[in-house]
Amino acid sequence: MGRLQEGERQHKERQVEGLLRGTWFGLRESEIAQELGWERRTVNNYLRDLEREGRAYKEGRCWLADE
């Protein structure tokens, strides 16, 4: 896996967070991966980072943006 360019990680986090903010009922990792064209494991890594930062949370199998 290659290194990310400067600012790319933040951009990708914003992409994931933007998708979560665009839904009332949350999204599954697989739905986010399909929408962004990423591997599910990559999406999981970004979701876990957002969760640690208090910007997303998981409810059942769906992820939602934290307000």
N, C-alpha and C. Protein backbone atom coordinates (compact mmCIF):
# COMPACT_ATOMS: atom_id res chain seq x y z
N MET A 1 0.84 -1.18 0.00
CA MET A 1 0.00 0.00 0.00
C MET A 1 0.88 1.24 0.00
N GLY A 2 0.59 2.17 -0.86
CA GLY A 2 1.38 3.38 -0.98
C GLY A 2 1.06 4.39 0.10
N ARG A 3 1.98 5.30 0.25
CA ARG A 3 1.77 6.37 1.23
C ARG A 3 0.78 7.39 0.67
N LEU A 4 0.04 8.00 1.57
CA LEU A 4 -0.92 9.03 1.17
C LEU A 4 -0.20 10.36 1.00
N GLN A 5 -0.66 11.13 0.05
CA GLN A 5 -0.13 12.48 -0.13
C GLN A 5 -0.58 13.36 1.03
N GLU A 6 0.11 14.46 1.23
CA GLU A 6 -0.24 15.38 2.31
C GLU A 6 -1.67 15.87 2.14
N GLY A 7 -2.45 15.76 3.19
CA GLY A 7 -3.84 16.21 3.17
C GLY A 7 -4.82 15.18 2.63
N GLU A 8 -4.31 14.08 2.07
CA GLU A 8 -5.20 13.08 1.47
C GLU A 8 -6.01 12.34 2.53
N ARG A 9 -5.40 12.05 3.65
CA ARG A 9 -6.12 11.35 4.72
C ARG A 9 -7.30 12.18 5.22
N GLN A 10 -7.08 13.46 5.43
CA GLN A 10 -8.16 14.33 5.89
C GLN A 10 -9.27 14.43 4.84
N HIS A 11 -8.87 14.49 3.58
CA HIS A 11 -9.85 14.54 2.50
C HIS A 11 -10.72 13.28 2.50
N LYS A 12 -10.09 12.13 2.67
CA LYS A 12 -10.82 10.86 2.67
C LYS A 12 -11.73 10.76 3.89
N GLU A 13 -11.26 11.24 5.03
CA GLU A 13 -12.11 11.26 6.23
C GLU A 13 -13.34 12.11 5.98
N ARG A 14 -13.16 13.26 5.35
CA ARG A 14 -14.29 14.15 5.04
C ARG A 14 -15.27 13.49 4.07
N GLN A 15 -14.75 12.69 3.14
CA GLN A 15 -15.63 11.98 2.20
C GLN A 15 -16.53 11.00 2.96
N VAL A 16 -15.94 10.23 3.85
CA VAL A 16 -16.70 9.26 4.63
C VAL A 16 -17.71 9.99 5.52
N GLU A 17 -17.25 11.01 6.21
CA GLU A 17 -18.13 11.76 7.10
C GLU A 17 -19.27 12.42 6.32
N GLY A 18 -18.98 12.92 5.14
CA GLY A 18 -20.01 13.53 4.30
C GLY A 18 -21.10 12.55 3.92
N LEU A 19 -20.72 11.33 3.59
CA LEU A 19 -21.72 10.31 3.28
C LEU A 19 -22.59 10.03 4.50
N LEU A 20 -21.97 9.94 5.67
CA LEU A 20 -22.73 9.67 6.88
C LEU A 20 -23.69 10.80 7.21
N ARG A 21 -23.26 12.02 6.98
CA ARG A 21 -24.12 13.18 7.26
C ARG A 21 -25.28 13.27 6.28
N GLY A 22 -25.15 12.62 5.15
CA GLY A 22 -26.20 12.67 4.13
C GLY A 22 -27.29 11.64 4.30
N THR A 23 -27.29 10.93 5.41
CA THR A 23 -28.31 9.90 5.63
C THR A 23 -28.88 10.00 7.04
N TRP A 24 -30.16 9.71 7.16
CA TRP A 24 -30.82 9.72 8.46
C TRP A 24 -30.65 8.41 9.20
N PHE A 25 -30.52 7.32 8.45
CA PHE A 25 -30.54 5.98 9.05
C PHE A 25 -29.19 5.32 9.11
N GLY A 26 -28.16 6.00 8.68
CA GLY A 26 -26.82 5.44 8.72
C GLY A 26 -26.52 4.56 7.52
N LEU A 27 -25.27 4.15 7.42
CA LEU A 27 -24.81 3.31 6.32
C LEU A 27 -23.95 2.19 6.85
N ARG A 28 -24.00 1.06 6.18
CA ARG A 28 -23.11 -0.05 6.51
C ARG A 28 -21.76 0.19 5.85
N GLU A 29 -20.73 -0.44 6.40
CA GLU A 29 -19.39 -0.32 5.82
C GLU A 29 -19.40 -0.68 4.34
N SER A 30 -20.10 -1.75 4.00
CA SER A 30 -20.14 -2.21 2.61
C SER A 30 -20.80 -1.18 1.69
N GLU A 31 -21.79 -0.46 2.19
CA GLU A 31 -22.45 0.57 1.38
C GLU A 31 -21.52 1.75 1.14
N ILE A 32 -20.77 2.12 2.17
CA ILE A 32 -19.81 3.22 2.03
C ILE A 32 -18.72 2.82 1.04
N ALA A 33 -18.21 1.59 1.19
CA ALA A 33 -17.16 1.09 0.30
C ALA A 33 -17.63 1.09 -1.15
N GLN A 34 -18.84 0.64 -1.38
CA GLN A 34 -19.38 0.60 -2.74
C GLN A 34 -19.53 2.02 -3.30
N GLU A 35 -20.04 2.92 -2.51
CA GLU A 35 -20.25 4.30 -2.95
C GLU A 35 -18.94 4.99 -3.32
N LEU A 36 -17.90 4.75 -2.52
CA LEU A 36 -16.61 5.42 -2.73
C LEU A 36 -15.67 4.63 -3.63
N GLY A 37 -15.99 3.36 -3.89
CA GLY A 37 -15.11 2.52 -4.71
C GLY A 37 -13.86 2.10 -3.97
N TRP A 38 -13.96 1.96 -2.65
CA TRP A 38 -12.84 1.57 -1.81
C TRP A 38 -13.05 0.15 -1.31
N GLU A 39 -11.98 -0.44 -0.77
CA GLU A 39 -12.08 -1.72 -0.09
C GLU A 39 -12.79 -1.51 1.25
N ARG A 40 -13.54 -2.51 1.67
CA ARG A 40 -14.27 -2.41 2.93
C ARG A 40 -13.33 -2.19 4.12
N ARG A 41 -12.19 -2.83 4.11
CA ARG A 41 -11.22 -2.68 5.21
C ARG A 41 -10.72 -1.24 5.30
N THR A 42 -10.51 -0.60 4.18
CA THR A 42 -10.08 0.80 4.17
C THR A 42 -11.15 1.67 4.80
N VAL A 43 -12.40 1.44 4.42
CA VAL A 43 -13.52 2.20 5.01
C VAL A 43 -13.55 1.99 6.51
N ASN A 44 -13.37 0.75 6.95
CA ASN A 44 -13.38 0.45 8.38
C ASN A 44 -12.32 1.24 9.12
N ASN A 45 -11.14 1.36 8.54
CA ASN A 45 -10.06 2.13 9.18
C ASN A 45 -10.46 3.58 9.36
N TYR A 46 -11.04 4.18 8.33
CA TYR A 46 -11.46 5.58 8.44
C TYR A 46 -12.61 5.74 9.44
N LEU A 47 -13.54 4.80 9.45
CA LEU A 47 -14.65 4.87 10.40
C LEU A 47 -14.15 4.78 11.83
N ARG A 48 -13.22 3.90 12.08
CA ARG A 48 -12.66 3.76 13.45
C ARG A 48 -11.94 5.04 13.87
N ASP A 49 -11.23 5.67 12.94
CA ASP A 49 -10.57 6.95 13.26
C ASP A 49 -11.61 8.01 13.58
N LEU A 50 -12.67 8.09 12.78
CA LEU A 50 -13.73 9.06 13.03
C LEU A 50 -14.41 8.78 14.37
N GLU A 51 -14.57 7.52 14.71
CA GLU A 51 -15.17 7.15 15.98
C GLU A 51 -14.29 7.61 17.15
N ARG A 52 -12.99 7.39 17.04
CA ARG A 52 -12.05 7.83 18.10
C ARG A 52 -12.08 9.34 18.28
N GLU A 53 -12.31 10.06 17.18
CA GLU A 53 -12.35 11.52 17.23
C GLU A 53 -13.73 12.05 17.64
N GLY A 54 -14.70 11.16 17.85
CA GLY A 54 -16.04 11.58 18.25
C GLY A 54 -16.86 12.14 17.10
N ARG A 55 -16.50 11.79 15.87
CA ARG A 55 -17.20 12.34 14.70
C ARG A 55 -18.15 11.33 14.05
N ALA A 56 -18.12 10.06 14.51
CA ALA A 56 -19.01 9.02 14.00
C ALA A 56 -19.21 7.98 15.09
N TYR A 57 -20.31 7.25 14.98
CA TYR A 57 -20.58 6.17 15.92
C TYR A 57 -21.34 5.07 15.21
N LYS A 58 -21.28 3.88 15.79
CA LYS A 58 -21.93 2.72 15.20
C LYS A 58 -23.15 2.35 16.02
N GLU A 59 -24.25 2.12 15.33
CA GLU A 59 -25.50 1.69 15.95
C GLU A 59 -25.97 0.44 15.22
N GLY A 60 -25.87 -0.69 15.88
CA GLY A 60 -26.14 -1.96 15.19
C GLY A 60 -25.07 -2.20 14.14
N ARG A 61 -25.49 -2.38 12.88
CA ARG A 61 -24.52 -2.57 11.80
C ARG A 61 -24.30 -1.30 10.98
N CYS A 62 -24.94 -0.22 11.38
CA CYS A 62 -24.84 1.03 10.61
C CYS A 62 -24.02 2.08 11.34
N TRP A 63 -23.35 2.87 10.55
CA TRP A 63 -22.54 3.99 11.05
C TRP A 63 -23.28 5.29 10.79
N LEU A 64 -23.20 6.20 11.76
CA LEU A 64 -23.84 7.51 11.66
C LEU A 64 -22.84 8.59 12.03
N ALA A 65 -23.05 9.78 11.50
CA ALA A 65 -22.22 10.93 11.87
C ALA A 65 -22.67 11.41 13.24
N ASP A 66 -21.70 11.75 14.08
CA ASP A 66 -22.01 12.30 15.38
C ASP A 66 -22.27 13.80 15.21
N GLU A 67 -23.22 14.30 15.92
CA GLU A 67 -23.59 15.71 15.79
C GLU A 67 -22.74 16.55 16.62
